[in-house]
Amino acid sequence: MTKDLEVTERGSFSGKDYHDPPPAPLIDAEELTKWSFYRALIAEFIATLLFLYITVLTVIGYKSQSDPKAGGDMCGGVGILGIAWAFGGMIFILVYCTAGISGGHINPAVTFGLFLARKVSLIRAILYMVAQCLGAICGVGLVKAFQTSLYVRYGGGANSLADGYSKGTGLGAEIIGTFVLVYTVFSATDPKRNARDSHVPVCFLLPILLLFLSYYFYVLAPLPIGFAVFMVHLATIPVTGTGINPARSLGAAVIYNKSQPWDDHWIFWVGPFIGAAIAAFYHQFILRAGAAKALGSFRSNPNV
């Protein structure tokens, strides 16, 4: 594969077969004049609405099917495994559908992490979060409209800290869970990974593999992201019900509107935002050596 050559300061040439996108400006007012920006906001709103609608219905359906008082079987329903699949599967589907339009964030914590890494501007980040939260509220609102009695009886799919766990444990679970998710997002969409994966020694397979890799962002990238959501839910459903998405927690809390979801609601914002910030720092400044590159550039400048 032909490599792009870039000239170093010493006059030599080095091969680089990938391009890092330029950092997004902090404030990009020009975005507000583009239809593609508003189309992305609509995509985030609809995707988060669908995400909450399907997943909260799954949670409520499981609780009703496994409730002995309602004639259910304690071993019936989809179980925790099925709930985790619902969340992970919907993220895979929705990221696949919206990645080419909005980036497929569907989560304020993901948007926050990408903002810290300068992948999106401040204006886009804020409006994405607003669209995601509104979509989540509307999605849960649809669940309540269609399943009013079951919705109220089984807690509305709202996140809350489980009995026997401290606030610190719940916060830690949300931080680690969100770190796993956002770290996966960075890794799955890293242009350097795509370039490395495209190095194929078998020449006669190259055209087929290049065609396959051309669909990487649209098929393969959503898959590990969905699996990350699935795995985190398996681990943290017994602790917090698994937030790792402030919009998901806010939408359920607003529509259910009982004291229990609001008592510890701060955990489902602070934890995911801290986890996203750590993931952004880890990927950008340690794995991608952003800090070392910046320091190297500083040292190589003879005027400093």
Protein backbone atom coordinates (compact mmCIF):
# COMPACT_ATOMS: atom_id res chain seq x y z
CA MET A 1 0.00 0.00 0.00
CA THR A 2 1.29 3.43 -0.92
CA LYS A 3 2.20 5.48 2.11
CA ASP A 4 1.95 9.21 2.50
CA LEU A 5 5.36 10.67 3.17
CA GLU A 6 5.95 13.54 5.53
CA VAL A 7 9.20 15.51 5.93
CA THR A 8 10.73 15.61 9.38
CA GLU A 9 12.67 18.57 10.75
CA ARG A 10 15.98 16.87 9.93
CA GLY A 11 15.10 16.53 6.26
CA SER A 12 14.47 12.80 6.27
CA PHE A 13 11.25 11.10 5.23
CA SER A 14 9.03 8.98 7.41
CA GLY A 15 6.09 6.85 6.39
CA LYS A 16 2.69 7.55 7.77
CA ASP A 17 -0.26 5.69 6.34
CA TYR A 18 -3.03 7.32 8.35
CA HIS A 19 -4.29 10.83 8.93
CA ASP A 20 -5.41 12.18 12.27
CA PRO A 21 -8.32 14.55 11.71
CA PRO A 22 -7.53 18.14 12.69
CA PRO A 23 -8.70 19.09 16.19
CA ALA A 24 -12.14 20.64 16.32
CA PRO A 25 -12.24 24.34 17.24
CA LEU A 26 -13.44 25.11 20.73
CA ILE A 27 -16.30 27.25 19.42
CA ASP A 28 -17.40 26.81 15.82
CA ALA A 29 -20.27 29.20 15.20
CA GLU A 30 -20.26 28.29 11.51
CA GLU A 31 -21.79 24.91 12.43
CA LEU A 32 -25.01 26.68 13.33
CA THR A 33 -25.47 27.72 9.69
CA LYS A 34 -25.25 24.19 8.27
CA TRP A 35 -28.18 21.83 7.75
CA SER A 36 -25.89 18.84 8.38
CA PHE A 37 -25.45 20.04 11.97
CA TYR A 38 -29.20 20.10 12.64
CA ARG A 39 -29.59 16.77 10.87
CA ALA A 40 -27.03 15.35 13.30
CA LEU A 41 -28.99 16.76 16.26
CA ILE A 42 -32.17 15.12 14.97
CA ALA A 43 -30.30 11.83 14.54
CA GLU A 44 -29.03 11.97 18.14
CA PHE A 45 -32.52 12.79 19.42
CA ILE A 46 -34.22 9.94 17.54
CA ALA A 47 -31.48 7.42 18.33
CA THR A 48 -31.61 8.14 22.06
CA LEU A 49 -35.42 8.02 21.99
CA LEU A 50 -35.36 4.58 20.37
CA PHE A 51 -32.62 3.40 22.71
CA LEU A 52 -34.61 4.27 25.83
CA TYR A 53 -37.89 3.00 24.43
CA ILE A 54 -36.59 -0.49 23.64
CA THR A 55 -34.35 -0.93 26.67
CA VAL A 56 -36.76 0.37 29.32
CA LEU A 57 -39.54 -1.78 27.83
CA THR A 58 -37.19 -4.76 28.13
CA VAL A 59 -36.47 -4.01 31.80
CA ILE A 60 -40.14 -3.59 32.66
CA GLY A 61 -41.11 -6.68 30.68
CA TYR A 62 -38.55 -8.79 32.53
CA LYS A 63 -39.74 -7.56 35.93
CA SER A 64 -43.38 -8.30 35.09
CA GLN A 65 -42.59 -11.77 33.73
CA SER A 66 -40.50 -12.71 36.78
CA ASP A 67 -42.88 -11.30 39.42
CA PRO A 68 -44.58 -14.18 41.33
CA LYS A 69 -47.22 -11.77 42.67
CA ALA A 70 -48.34 -11.11 39.10
CA GLY A 71 -48.37 -14.80 38.20
CA GLY A 72 -44.89 -14.73 36.74
CA ASP A 73 -42.01 -17.15 37.14
CA MET A 74 -38.96 -16.01 39.12
CA CYS A 75 -36.82 -17.78 36.53
CA GLY A 76 -38.85 -16.42 33.61
CA GLY A 77 -38.22 -13.50 31.34
CA VAL A 78 -35.00 -12.53 29.65
CA GLY A 79 -32.99 -12.16 32.87
CA ILE A 80 -30.00 -9.91 33.42
CA LEU A 81 -28.31 -11.45 30.41
CA GLY A 82 -31.22 -10.49 28.17
CA ILE A 83 -31.33 -6.96 29.55
CA ALA A 84 -27.62 -6.56 28.91
CA TRP A 85 -28.12 -7.84 25.35
CA ALA A 86 -30.93 -5.34 24.83
CA PHE A 87 -28.73 -2.40 25.82
CA GLY A 88 -25.66 -3.61 23.95
CA GLY A 89 -27.63 -4.68 20.88
CA MET A 90 -29.46 -1.38 20.60
CA ILE A 91 -26.22 0.56 20.86
CA PHE A 92 -24.73 -1.57 18.07
CA ILE A 93 -27.79 -0.99 15.86
CA LEU A 94 -28.10 2.73 16.54
CA VAL A 95 -24.39 3.51 16.22
CA TYR A 96 -24.43 1.62 12.92
CA CYS A 97 -27.41 3.70 11.74
CA THR A 98 -26.21 7.13 12.87
CA ALA A 99 -22.39 6.98 12.73
CA GLY A 100 -22.30 8.54 9.28
CA ILE A 101 -24.67 11.34 10.28
CA SER A 102 -23.85 12.43 13.81
CA GLY A 103 -21.06 10.10 14.87
CA GLY A 104 -23.49 7.93 16.81
CA HIS A 105 -22.79 9.26 20.31
CA ILE A 106 -26.22 8.56 21.91
CA ASN A 107 -24.64 9.32 25.29
CA PRO A 108 -23.57 12.63 26.90
CA ALA A 109 -20.56 10.89 28.48
CA VAL A 110 -19.30 9.79 25.04
CA THR A 111 -19.86 13.30 23.72
CA PHE A 112 -18.00 14.76 26.70
CA GLY A 113 -15.04 12.43 26.16
CA LEU A 114 -14.86 13.28 22.47
CA PHE A 115 -15.07 16.98 23.32
CA LEU A 116 -12.12 16.70 25.71
CA ALA A 117 -10.17 14.98 22.94
CA ARG A 118 -11.12 17.86 20.60
CA LYS A 119 -13.12 15.63 18.30
CA VAL A 120 -16.18 17.90 18.53
CA SER A 121 -16.64 21.59 19.26
CA LEU A 122 -18.16 22.97 22.45
CA ILE A 123 -21.33 24.07 20.62
CA ARG A 124 -21.82 20.62 19.08
CA ALA A 125 -21.11 18.90 22.40
CA ILE A 126 -23.65 20.98 24.34
CA LEU A 127 -26.41 20.67 21.75
CA TYR A 128 -25.76 16.94 21.32
CA MET A 129 -26.23 16.50 25.07
CA VAL A 130 -29.46 18.49 25.00
CA ALA A 131 -30.79 16.42 22.09
CA GLN A 132 -29.79 13.18 23.81
CA CYS A 133 -31.50 14.13 27.08
CA LEU A 134 -34.67 15.25 25.32
CA GLY A 135 -34.71 12.06 23.28
CA ALA A 136 -34.30 9.96 26.41
CA ILE A 137 -37.18 11.74 28.16
CA CYS A 138 -39.44 11.26 25.13
CA GLY A 139 -38.45 7.60 24.77
CA VAL A 140 -39.32 6.78 28.37
CA GLY A 141 -42.47 8.87 28.02
CA LEU A 142 -43.59 6.58 25.20
CA VAL A 143 -42.99 3.55 27.41
CA LYS A 144 -45.16 5.04 30.16
CA ALA A 145 -47.87 5.95 27.65
CA PHE A 146 -48.05 2.39 26.28
CA GLN A 147 -47.50 0.47 29.55
CA THR A 148 -48.77 2.81 32.26
CA SER A 149 -49.69 0.24 34.93
CA LEU A 150 -46.58 -1.89 34.49
CA TYR A 151 -44.38 1.18 34.24
CA VAL A 152 -45.43 2.54 37.63
CA ARG A 153 -45.49 -0.88 39.32
CA TYR A 154 -41.97 -1.89 38.28
CA GLY A 155 -40.02 1.30 38.80
CA GLY A 156 -40.03 2.79 35.33
CA GLY A 157 -36.61 1.39 34.48
CA ALA A 158 -35.02 4.15 36.58
CA ASN A 159 -31.46 3.84 37.86
CA SER A 160 -30.89 3.77 41.60
CA LEU A 161 -28.25 2.48 43.96
CA ALA A 162 -29.05 -1.07 45.05
CA ASP A 163 -29.46 -1.91 48.74
CA GLY A 164 -26.23 -2.89 50.45
CA TYR A 165 -23.96 -0.72 48.31
CA SER A 166 -22.44 2.57 49.37
CA LYS A 167 -22.48 5.72 47.28
CA GLY A 168 -18.74 5.35 46.77
CA THR A 169 -19.20 1.85 45.36
CA GLY A 170 -21.92 3.06 43.02
CA LEU A 171 -19.80 6.00 41.88
CA GLY A 172 -16.82 3.71 41.28
CA ALA A 173 -18.95 1.30 39.25
CA GLU A 174 -20.17 4.13 37.04
CA ILE A 175 -16.67 5.55 36.57
CA ILE A 176 -15.13 2.21 35.59
CA GLY A 177 -18.09 1.19 33.42
CA THR A 178 -18.04 4.46 31.49
CA PHE A 179 -14.27 4.28 31.14
CA VAL A 180 -14.65 0.88 29.43
CA LEU A 181 -17.27 2.26 27.06
CA VAL A 182 -15.52 5.51 26.10
CA TYR A 183 -12.12 3.81 25.82
CA THR A 184 -13.71 1.33 23.41
CA VAL A 185 -15.20 4.19 21.38
CA PHE A 186 -11.79 5.84 21.02
CA SER A 187 -10.08 2.57 20.11
CA ALA A 188 -12.73 1.41 17.64
CA THR A 189 -12.66 4.70 15.73
CA ASP A 190 -8.91 5.32 15.88
CA PRO A 191 -7.56 6.00 12.35
CA LYS A 192 -4.19 4.57 13.39
CA ARG A 193 -5.84 1.23 14.18
CA ASN A 194 -7.53 1.18 10.79
CA ALA A 195 -4.21 1.81 9.05
CA ARG A 196 -2.48 -0.91 11.02
CA ASP A 197 -5.26 -3.42 10.36
CA SER A 198 -4.99 -2.73 6.63
CA HIS A 199 -1.41 -4.07 6.40
CA VAL A 200 -1.94 -7.39 4.64
CA PRO A 201 1.04 -9.48 3.48
CA VAL A 202 -0.96 -11.72 1.14
CA CYS A 203 -1.27 -9.70 -2.06
CA PHE A 204 -3.97 -11.69 -3.77
CA LEU A 205 -6.29 -11.16 -0.79
CA LEU A 206 -5.67 -7.42 -0.66
CA PRO A 207 -8.58 -6.25 -2.87
CA ILE A 208 -11.07 -8.33 -0.90
CA LEU A 209 -9.73 -7.18 2.46
CA LEU A 210 -9.59 -3.55 1.39
CA LEU A 211 -13.23 -3.74 0.37
CA PHE A 212 -14.01 -5.30 3.73
CA LEU A 213 -12.05 -2.66 5.63
CA SER A 214 -13.78 0.15 3.75
CA TYR A 215 -16.88 -0.68 5.76
CA TYR A 216 -14.99 -0.66 9.05
CA PHE A 217 -16.56 2.44 10.54
CA TYR A 218 -20.05 1.41 9.45
CA VAL A 219 -20.02 -2.23 10.58
CA LEU A 220 -17.01 -3.22 12.70
CA ALA A 221 -16.69 -0.08 14.82
CA PRO A 222 -20.24 -0.30 16.28
CA LEU A 223 -19.72 -3.97 17.18
CA PRO A 224 -17.08 -3.58 19.95
CA ILE A 225 -18.94 -0.52 21.24
CA GLY A 226 -22.12 -2.58 21.59
CA PHE A 227 -20.19 -5.40 23.23
CA ALA A 228 -18.64 -2.96 25.70
CA VAL A 229 -22.12 -1.79 26.73
CA PHE A 230 -23.22 -5.43 27.03
CA MET A 231 -20.30 -6.44 29.24
CA VAL A 232 -20.57 -3.40 31.50
CA HIS A 233 -24.26 -4.09 32.06
CA LEU A 234 -23.53 -7.66 33.09
CA ALA A 235 -21.13 -6.37 35.74
CA THR A 236 -23.00 -3.35 37.11
CA ILE A 237 -26.73 -4.07 36.83
CA PRO A 238 -26.70 -5.54 40.37
CA VAL A 239 -25.01 -2.39 41.71
CA THR A 240 -26.61 0.65 40.07
CA GLY A 241 -28.83 -0.82 37.37
CA THR A 242 -26.05 0.43 35.05
CA GLY A 243 -26.14 4.05 34.05
CA ILE A 244 -22.93 4.88 32.10
CA ASN A 245 -25.23 7.19 30.13
CA PRO A 246 -26.50 10.33 31.90
CA ALA A 247 -29.29 10.79 29.34
CA ARG A 248 -30.59 7.27 30.01
CA SER A 249 -30.63 7.93 33.77
CA LEU A 250 -32.17 11.40 33.42
CA GLY A 251 -34.95 10.29 31.05
CA ALA A 252 -36.07 7.48 33.34
CA ALA A 253 -35.85 9.67 36.47
CA VAL A 254 -37.84 12.54 34.94
CA ILE A 255 -40.73 10.37 33.76
CA TYR A 256 -40.85 8.08 36.80
CA ASN A 257 -40.34 11.10 39.11
CA LYS A 258 -40.10 9.32 42.46
CA SER A 259 -37.71 10.12 45.26
CA GLN A 260 -35.51 7.02 45.00
CA PRO A 261 -34.12 7.67 41.49
CA TRP A 262 -33.42 11.31 42.38
CA ASP A 263 -31.70 10.61 45.72
CA ASP A 264 -28.51 9.34 44.10
CA HIS A 265 -29.01 10.80 40.64
CA TRP A 266 -25.77 12.77 40.87
CA ILE A 267 -23.85 9.48 40.72
CA PHE A 268 -25.15 8.89 37.19
CA TRP A 269 -23.74 12.21 35.99
CA VAL A 270 -20.53 12.59 37.97
CA GLY A 271 -19.44 8.97 37.51
CA PRO A 272 -19.85 8.81 33.72
CA PHE A 273 -18.24 12.20 33.16
CA ILE A 274 -15.21 11.27 35.29
CA GLY A 275 -14.92 7.92 33.51
CA ALA A 276 -15.14 9.59 30.10
CA ALA A 277 -12.49 12.15 31.05
CA ILE A 278 -10.09 9.43 32.24
CA ALA A 279 -10.66 7.42 29.05
CA ALA A 280 -10.02 10.46 26.86
CA PHE A 281 -6.80 11.27 28.71
CA TYR A 282 -5.61 7.65 28.67
CA HIS A 283 -6.19 7.14 24.97
CA GLN A 284 -5.06 10.52 23.68
CA PHE A 285 -2.09 11.24 25.94
CA ILE A 286 -0.79 7.79 26.88
CA LEU A 287 -1.71 5.29 24.17
CA ARG A 288 -1.44 7.83 21.35
CA ALA A 289 1.47 9.56 23.12
CA GLY A 290 -0.11 12.97 22.82
CA ALA A 291 1.81 14.28 25.81
CA ALA A 292 5.11 12.88 24.52
CA LYS A 293 4.52 14.40 21.07
CA ALA A 294 3.73 17.76 22.59
CA LEU A 295 6.85 17.59 24.80
CA GLY A 296 8.99 16.46 21.84
CA SER A 297 7.73 19.34 19.73
CA PHE A 298 8.52 21.74 22.56
CA ARG A 299 12.05 20.43 22.95
CA SER A 300 12.77 20.41 19.21
CA ASN A 301 11.87 24.07 18.80
CA PRO A 302 15.16 25.95 18.80
CA ASN A 303 13.40 29.23 19.55
CA VAL A 304 12.19 28.01 22.95
